[in-house]
Amino acid sequence: MKKRILNASAIVLAIAAFSTTSCKKSDDSQSRKDILINGQWAMAQMGPDKNGNNVVDSNEAVPVASINTSANVNFYSDNTYQLNLVVNADTTIFKGNWAFINNDQVLRVVVTNQGPNDTSILNIHNLTQTNLTVLQETDTTGIWEVFTR
């Protein structure tokens, strides 16, 4: 009898352990905000959407190191951000506010520390734990910006 109770207890514990581990929150269930604010993003590539097809073609985005540029950005939970941009060894720090718009498919970024507030609209093409790819709207053609962690 004791052996059956022990076996039944072991089965119940095994089911409980399985249920607990299988209910853990996966990366897929994280909000876009949680993914965005979860660490620093480093710009890996950038370039114009030359043909306007809203696809990062191999001849459009180039490694930022090849144009003597680097950029790191942190997005914070209070909807502020800081971008450190280095071009030819000259550093500029941009600070401001950010917000998701259009059902979290677009990132609106407002620079607040460089004179008059400047707003950028970034259409999000990919957002995962390791990749943020956006197409920045401009007056002429979009600019691809690819960030990684």
Protein backbone atom coordinates (compact mmCIF):
# COMPACT_ATOMS: atom_id res chain seq x y z
CA MET A 1 0.00 0.00 0.00
CA LYS A 2 2.79 2.41 0.93
CA LYS A 3 4.52 1.60 -2.36
CA ARG A 4 1.37 2.54 -4.36
CA ILE A 5 1.03 5.84 -2.46
CA LEU A 6 4.70 6.63 -3.13
CA ASN A 7 4.29 5.78 -6.83
CA ALA A 8 1.13 7.90 -7.00
CA SER A 9 2.95 10.75 -5.24
CA ALA A 10 5.85 10.48 -7.67
CA ILE A 11 3.46 10.65 -10.63
CA VAL A 12 1.67 13.69 -9.19
CA LEU A 13 5.01 15.43 -8.58
CA ALA A 14 6.19 14.60 -12.10
CA ILE A 15 2.97 16.00 -13.60
CA ALA A 16 3.24 19.13 -11.46
CA ALA A 17 6.88 19.63 -12.46
CA PHE A 18 6.04 19.14 -16.14
CA SER A 19 3.10 21.53 -15.92
CA THR A 20 5.23 24.20 -14.26
CA THR A 21 8.03 24.01 -16.82
CA SER A 22 5.69 23.86 -19.79
CA CYS A 23 3.87 27.00 -18.65
CA LYS A 24 6.96 29.21 -18.59
CA LYS A 25 6.64 32.39 -20.61
CA SER A 26 8.44 31.99 -23.93
CA ASP A 27 10.16 34.68 -25.98
CA ASP A 28 7.22 34.50 -28.38
CA SER A 29 4.85 35.72 -25.68
CA GLN A 30 6.94 38.74 -24.68
CA SER A 31 5.49 42.09 -25.65
CA ARG A 32 7.22 44.12 -28.33
CA LYS A 33 8.04 46.70 -25.66
CA ASP A 34 9.70 44.05 -23.47
CA ILE A 35 11.83 42.92 -26.41
CA LEU A 36 12.74 46.47 -27.39
CA ILE A 37 13.84 47.58 -23.92
CA ASN A 38 15.72 44.38 -23.06
CA GLY A 39 19.27 45.69 -23.58
CA GLN A 40 21.40 47.71 -25.93
CA TRP A 41 21.03 47.58 -29.70
CA ALA A 42 24.09 48.03 -31.93
CA MET A 43 23.61 49.25 -35.48
CA ALA A 44 25.03 46.66 -37.85
CA GLN A 45 23.91 47.92 -41.27
CA MET A 46 22.23 50.87 -42.91
CA GLY A 47 21.44 52.21 -46.35
CA PRO A 48 18.71 53.52 -48.65
CA ASP A 49 15.82 51.41 -49.94
CA LYS A 50 17.02 52.18 -53.48
CA ASN A 51 14.18 50.47 -55.32
CA GLY A 52 11.45 51.33 -52.83
CA ASN A 53 10.26 47.74 -52.48
CA ASN A 54 10.29 47.72 -48.64
CA VAL A 55 12.71 44.76 -48.63
CA VAL A 56 16.32 44.95 -47.44
CA ASP A 57 18.06 43.88 -50.65
CA SER A 58 21.69 42.75 -50.52
CA ASN A 59 22.91 45.84 -52.39
CA GLU A 60 21.12 48.34 -50.13
CA ALA A 61 22.30 47.98 -46.53
CA VAL A 62 26.03 48.09 -45.88
CA PRO A 63 27.94 47.39 -42.67
CA VAL A 64 28.19 50.64 -40.71
CA ALA A 65 31.87 49.98 -39.99
CA SER A 66 32.55 50.30 -43.73
CA ILE A 67 31.35 53.93 -43.59
CA ASN A 68 33.27 54.82 -40.39
CA THR A 69 30.08 54.85 -38.35
CA SER A 70 28.82 53.11 -35.24
CA ALA A 71 25.68 53.56 -33.22
CA ASN A 72 24.25 52.07 -30.04
CA VAL A 73 20.78 52.73 -28.74
CA ASN A 74 18.97 51.90 -25.52
CA PHE A 75 15.21 52.10 -25.24
CA TYR A 76 13.90 52.41 -21.68
CA SER A 77 10.65 51.34 -20.01
CA ASP A 78 9.68 54.99 -19.34
CA ASN A 79 9.54 55.52 -23.14
CA THR A 80 12.80 57.46 -23.31
CA TYR A 81 15.88 56.45 -25.27
CA GLN A 82 19.52 57.34 -25.81
CA LEU A 83 21.38 56.90 -29.09
CA ASN A 84 25.16 57.25 -29.20
CA LEU A 85 26.24 57.91 -32.78
CA VAL A 86 29.91 57.95 -33.81
CA VAL A 87 30.81 59.18 -37.29
CA ASN A 88 34.51 59.53 -38.18
CA ALA A 89 35.39 59.44 -34.45
CA ASP A 90 32.99 62.31 -33.60
CA THR A 91 30.32 61.31 -31.08
CA THR A 92 26.83 62.77 -30.91
CA ILE A 93 24.36 61.73 -28.22
CA PHE A 94 20.68 61.87 -29.04
CA LYS A 95 18.08 61.63 -26.28
CA GLY A 96 14.34 61.70 -26.48
CA ASN A 97 11.07 59.83 -26.32
CA TRP A 98 9.75 56.85 -28.21
CA ALA A 99 6.36 55.24 -28.69
CA PHE A 100 4.83 52.41 -30.66
CA ILE A 101 2.06 53.50 -33.01
CA ASN A 102 -0.13 51.73 -35.60
CA ASN A 103 -0.67 48.54 -33.55
CA ASP A 104 3.00 48.43 -32.49
CA GLN A 105 4.15 48.16 -36.12
CA VAL A 106 5.75 51.62 -36.20
CA LEU A 107 8.20 53.25 -33.82
CA ARG A 108 7.91 57.04 -33.43
CA VAL A 109 11.14 58.54 -32.10
CA VAL A 110 11.39 62.18 -30.98
CA VAL A 111 14.81 63.74 -30.38
CA THR A 112 14.54 66.24 -27.52
CA ASN A 113 18.14 67.30 -26.83
CA GLN A 114 19.28 68.65 -30.22
CA GLY A 115 17.38 71.91 -30.65
CA PRO A 116 13.83 71.78 -32.02
CA ASN A 117 12.22 68.39 -31.48
CA ASP A 118 12.79 66.18 -34.50
CA THR A 119 10.45 63.24 -35.08
CA SER A 120 11.40 60.10 -36.99
CA ILE A 121 8.99 57.41 -38.14
CA LEU A 122 10.50 53.93 -38.18
CA ASN A 123 8.47 51.17 -39.83
CA ILE A 124 9.36 47.95 -38.02
CA HIS A 125 10.15 45.10 -40.41
CA ASN A 126 11.63 42.74 -37.82
CA LEU A 127 11.78 42.75 -34.02
CA THR A 128 13.20 39.75 -32.18
CA GLN A 129 15.47 39.37 -29.17
CA THR A 130 18.50 39.71 -31.47
CA ASN A 131 17.35 41.78 -34.46
CA LEU A 132 15.62 45.11 -34.96
CA THR A 133 15.18 46.09 -38.61
CA VAL A 134 13.43 49.36 -39.40
CA LEU A 135 12.79 51.48 -42.47
CA GLN A 136 13.06 55.14 -41.56
CA GLU A 137 10.68 57.31 -43.55
CA THR A 138 12.26 60.27 -45.34
CA ASP A 139 11.09 62.80 -47.92
CA THR A 140 12.66 60.85 -50.77
CA THR A 141 13.51 57.20 -50.08
CA GLY A 142 13.45 55.14 -46.93
CA ILE A 143 16.63 54.38 -44.98
CA TRP A 144 17.22 50.85 -43.72
CA GLU A 145 18.64 50.54 -40.21
CA VAL A 146 19.52 47.07 -38.96
CA PHE A 147 20.36 46.65 -35.26
CA THR A 148 21.56 43.55 -33.45
CA ARG A 149 22.29 42.44 -29.89
